[in-house]
Amino acid sequence: MTMKHSNPALVGGVGGSLSDAILALVAGAVETLWTWQNRADTRASLSTLDRRLMADIGVTEDMVKDEIAKPFWRA
């Protein structure tokens, strides 16, 4: 038995491109949110480093202060 769909988005018609665009938009938003969360987590971790650990990874206290002062949306 074959079923017919009246919604073009379900069969890849004209609405399919709109569905693809919405999916791409949502995927982009999710990726952006993940990036922002990753930056916030990384900066929180940086804020816990002592001077010895900063020296081990080759950064100065000023570099860490500058990095953790950035808002999560700024690279």
N, C-alpha and C. Protein backbone atom coordinates (compact mmCIF):
# COMPACT_ATOMS: atom_id res chain seq x y z
N MET A 1 0.85 -1.17 0.00
CA MET A 1 0.00 0.00 0.00
C MET A 1 0.90 1.24 0.00
N THR A 2 0.61 2.17 -0.88
CA THR A 2 1.37 3.42 -0.95
C THR A 2 0.55 4.53 -0.31
N MET A 3 1.29 5.37 0.42
CA MET A 3 0.61 6.49 1.06
C MET A 3 1.04 7.77 0.36
N LYS A 4 0.11 8.64 0.14
CA LYS A 4 0.41 9.93 -0.47
C LYS A 4 0.40 10.99 0.63
N HIS A 5 1.39 11.86 0.55
CA HIS A 5 1.48 12.96 1.50
C HIS A 5 1.04 14.24 0.83
N SER A 6 0.23 15.01 1.51
CA SER A 6 -0.20 16.28 0.94
C SER A 6 0.78 17.40 1.28
N ASN A 7 1.69 17.16 2.21
CA ASN A 7 2.67 18.17 2.60
C ASN A 7 3.92 18.01 1.74
N PRO A 8 4.25 19.00 0.88
CA PRO A 8 5.41 18.88 0.01
C PRO A 8 6.72 18.71 0.77
N ALA A 9 6.80 19.21 2.01
CA ALA A 9 8.02 19.09 2.79
C ALA A 9 8.32 17.63 3.11
N LEU A 10 7.28 16.81 3.19
CA LEU A 10 7.46 15.40 3.52
C LEU A 10 7.95 14.58 2.34
N VAL A 11 7.77 15.08 1.15
CA VAL A 11 8.18 14.34 -0.04
C VAL A 11 9.28 15.05 -0.82
N GLY A 12 9.92 16.03 -0.22
CA GLY A 12 11.04 16.71 -0.87
C GLY A 12 10.62 17.71 -1.93
N GLY A 13 9.42 18.21 -1.83
CA GLY A 13 8.96 19.20 -2.79
C GLY A 13 9.52 20.57 -2.47
N VAL A 14 8.78 21.60 -2.84
CA VAL A 14 9.22 22.98 -2.64
C VAL A 14 9.49 23.23 -1.16
N GLY A 15 8.66 22.70 -0.29
CA GLY A 15 8.85 22.89 1.14
C GLY A 15 10.09 22.20 1.67
N GLY A 16 10.64 21.25 0.91
CA GLY A 16 11.84 20.55 1.34
C GLY A 16 13.02 21.49 1.52
N SER A 17 13.15 22.47 0.65
CA SER A 17 14.25 23.41 0.78
C SER A 17 14.07 24.28 2.01
N LEU A 18 12.83 24.60 2.36
CA LEU A 18 12.56 25.35 3.58
C LEU A 18 12.91 24.49 4.79
N SER A 19 12.55 23.23 4.75
CA SER A 19 12.88 22.32 5.86
C SER A 19 14.40 22.20 6.01
N ASP A 20 15.09 22.10 4.89
CA ASP A 20 16.56 22.02 4.94
C ASP A 20 17.15 23.30 5.54
N ALA A 21 16.57 24.43 5.17
CA ALA A 21 17.07 25.71 5.69
C ALA A 21 16.83 25.81 7.19
N ILE A 22 15.68 25.37 7.64
CA ILE A 22 15.38 25.39 9.08
C ILE A 22 16.31 24.45 9.82
N LEU A 23 16.53 23.27 9.28
CA LEU A 23 17.44 22.31 9.90
C LEU A 23 18.86 22.87 9.99
N ALA A 24 19.31 23.52 8.93
CA ALA A 24 20.65 24.12 8.92
C ALA A 24 20.73 25.25 9.95
N LEU A 25 19.67 26.03 10.07
CA LEU A 25 19.64 27.11 11.04
C LEU A 25 19.71 26.57 12.47
N VAL A 26 18.95 25.53 12.75
CA VAL A 26 18.97 24.92 14.09
C VAL A 26 20.34 24.30 14.36
N ALA A 27 20.91 23.61 13.38
CA ALA A 27 22.23 23.00 13.56
C ALA A 27 23.28 24.07 13.83
N GLY A 28 23.21 25.18 13.12
CA GLY A 28 24.14 26.28 13.34
C GLY A 28 23.99 26.88 14.73
N ALA A 29 22.75 27.01 15.18
CA ALA A 29 22.50 27.56 16.52
C ALA A 29 23.05 26.62 17.60
N VAL A 30 22.85 25.33 17.42
CA VAL A 30 23.36 24.36 18.38
C VAL A 30 24.89 24.40 18.42
N GLU A 31 25.51 24.49 17.26
CA GLU A 31 26.97 24.56 17.20
C GLU A 31 27.48 25.83 17.90
N THR A 32 26.80 26.94 17.68
CA THR A 32 27.19 28.19 18.33
C THR A 32 27.06 28.09 19.84
N LEU A 33 25.96 27.52 20.31
CA LEU A 33 25.77 27.35 21.75
C LEU A 33 26.84 26.45 22.35
N TRP A 34 27.20 25.37 21.64
CA TRP A 34 28.25 24.47 22.11
C TRP A 34 29.58 25.23 22.19
N THR A 35 29.89 26.03 21.19
CA THR A 35 31.13 26.81 21.18
C THR A 35 31.17 27.77 22.36
N TRP A 36 30.05 28.47 22.60
CA TRP A 36 30.00 29.40 23.72
C TRP A 36 30.19 28.69 25.05
N GLN A 37 29.55 27.53 25.22
CA GLN A 37 29.70 26.78 26.47
C GLN A 37 31.13 26.31 26.64
N ASN A 38 31.74 25.87 25.57
CA ASN A 38 33.13 25.42 25.62
C ASN A 38 34.06 26.56 26.03
N ARG A 39 33.84 27.74 25.47
CA ARG A 39 34.65 28.91 25.84
C ARG A 39 34.47 29.25 27.32
N ALA A 40 33.24 29.23 27.79
CA ALA A 40 32.97 29.56 29.19
C ALA A 40 33.65 28.54 30.11
N ASP A 41 33.56 27.26 29.76
CA ASP A 41 34.20 26.21 30.57
C ASP A 41 35.72 26.36 30.58
N THR A 42 36.28 26.63 29.41
CA THR A 42 37.73 26.78 29.30
C THR A 42 38.21 27.97 30.11
N ARG A 43 37.49 29.07 30.02
CA ARG A 43 37.89 30.27 30.77
C ARG A 43 37.73 30.06 32.27
N ALA A 44 36.72 29.30 32.67
CA ALA A 44 36.57 28.98 34.10
C ALA A 44 37.74 28.13 34.57
N SER A 45 38.17 27.18 33.75
CA SER A 45 39.32 26.34 34.10
C SER A 45 40.60 27.17 34.18
N LEU A 46 40.77 28.09 33.24
CA LEU A 46 41.95 28.96 33.26
C LEU A 46 42.01 29.77 34.55
N SER A 47 40.86 30.19 35.04
CA SER A 47 40.84 31.04 36.23
C SER A 47 41.31 30.30 37.48
N THR A 48 41.39 28.98 37.42
CA THR A 48 41.82 28.20 38.59
C THR A 48 43.31 27.88 38.59
N LEU A 49 44.02 28.24 37.51
CA LEU A 49 45.44 27.89 37.42
C LEU A 49 46.29 28.75 38.35
N ASP A 50 47.28 28.12 38.97
CA ASP A 50 48.24 28.90 39.74
C ASP A 50 49.40 29.29 38.82
N ARG A 51 50.32 30.11 39.32
CA ARG A 51 51.42 30.62 38.48
C ARG A 51 52.30 29.50 37.93
N ARG A 52 52.51 28.47 38.71
CA ARG A 52 53.35 27.35 38.25
C ARG A 52 52.70 26.66 37.05
N LEU A 53 51.41 26.41 37.13
CA LEU A 53 50.72 25.77 36.01
C LEU A 53 50.66 26.69 34.78
N MET A 54 50.49 27.98 35.01
CA MET A 54 50.51 28.93 33.89
C MET A 54 51.86 28.88 33.19
N ALA A 55 52.93 28.85 33.98
CA ALA A 55 54.28 28.77 33.39
C ALA A 55 54.44 27.46 32.63
N ASP A 56 53.88 26.37 33.14
CA ASP A 56 53.98 25.07 32.47
C ASP A 56 53.35 25.09 31.08
N ILE A 57 52.26 25.83 30.92
CA ILE A 57 51.59 25.86 29.61
C ILE A 57 52.00 27.07 28.79
N GLY A 58 52.91 27.88 29.33
CA GLY A 58 53.47 28.99 28.56
C GLY A 58 52.62 30.23 28.47
N VAL A 59 51.84 30.49 29.51
CA VAL A 59 51.05 31.73 29.53
C VAL A 59 51.39 32.52 30.79
N THR A 60 51.16 33.82 30.69
CA THR A 60 51.41 34.69 31.85
C THR A 60 50.10 34.95 32.57
N GLU A 61 50.23 35.48 33.76
CA GLU A 61 49.04 35.83 34.54
C GLU A 61 48.21 36.88 33.81
N ASP A 62 48.89 37.83 33.17
CA ASP A 62 48.17 38.86 32.40
C ASP A 62 47.40 38.26 31.22
N MET A 63 48.01 37.28 30.56
CA MET A 63 47.33 36.62 29.44
C MET A 63 46.06 35.92 29.93
N VAL A 64 46.17 35.26 31.06
CA VAL A 64 45.01 34.56 31.62
C VAL A 64 43.93 35.57 32.03
N LYS A 65 44.33 36.65 32.68
CA LYS A 65 43.36 37.67 33.08
C LYS A 65 42.64 38.25 31.87
N ASP A 66 43.39 38.51 30.80
CA ASP A 66 42.76 39.04 29.57
C ASP A 66 41.77 38.04 28.99
N GLU A 67 42.15 36.77 28.98
CA GLU A 67 41.28 35.75 28.39
C GLU A 67 40.00 35.56 29.21
N ILE A 68 40.13 35.47 30.53
CA ILE A 68 38.93 35.21 31.33
C ILE A 68 38.03 36.44 31.45
N ALA A 69 38.54 37.61 31.09
CA ALA A 69 37.71 38.82 31.11
C ALA A 69 36.80 38.91 29.90
N LYS A 70 37.08 38.13 28.86
CA LYS A 70 36.27 38.17 27.64
C LYS A 70 34.89 37.56 27.90
N PRO A 71 33.86 38.11 27.28
CA PRO A 71 32.54 37.45 27.36
C PRO A 71 32.57 36.15 26.55
N PHE A 72 31.68 35.23 26.88
CA PHE A 72 31.68 33.91 26.25
C PHE A 72 31.50 33.95 24.74
N TRP A 73 30.89 35.00 24.21
CA TRP A 73 30.64 35.04 22.76
C TRP A 73 31.83 35.59 21.98
N ARG A 74 32.86 36.08 22.67
CA ARG A 74 34.02 36.62 21.98
C ARG A 74 35.14 35.60 21.95
N ALA A 75 35.70 35.39 20.75
CA ALA A 75 36.80 34.43 20.59
C ALA A 75 38.09 34.98 21.11
